[in-house]
Amino acid sequence: MLAREGRAAPAKQRNALSLQSLTAFHRAVAMHLVQILLPRADNTGRPFGREHFDRVKEDLASCFEGVTAYLQAPAEGQWQDREQSSQDDIVIFEVMVEEIDLPDWRRRRAELERRFRQDTVIIRYMPMELV
């Protein structure tokens, strides 16, 4: 960037312009946050080993250039099935993507249902903006 007199703009100004460009880029790119909710234990209560979750994390990181995994502080999931209430400790994986490839995510869900021996694995996505 050049200042009015033909000299380079101060570093502080160059950094501000770069930040403005980056912010404009993020606004122009539609992003989605995809979350995968997995149980810490199977339906009999037997915990899954760390390797099960590491495999999911490695797969997502290699496919999407990054993943956030909430493994150490599991969330609690609870649902009502007719008159019976059930609950699970769950872990959450998150990735950010520009486009949602529904057939790919459905394939991933089916694979996770098989590997984690679940009737249903929740994968959800929502639009997001970076600040």
Foldseek 3Di string as FASTA:
>chain_A
DADPVRHRDDPVVVVVVVVVVVQVVLVVFKKKKKKWKAFQAAPVRHGDDPVVVVVVQVVCCVVQVHKDKADPQFDKDWDDDPPDIDIGGIIMMIGMDRDDPVVVVVVVFVVSCVVRVHPGIDMDMDIDTDD
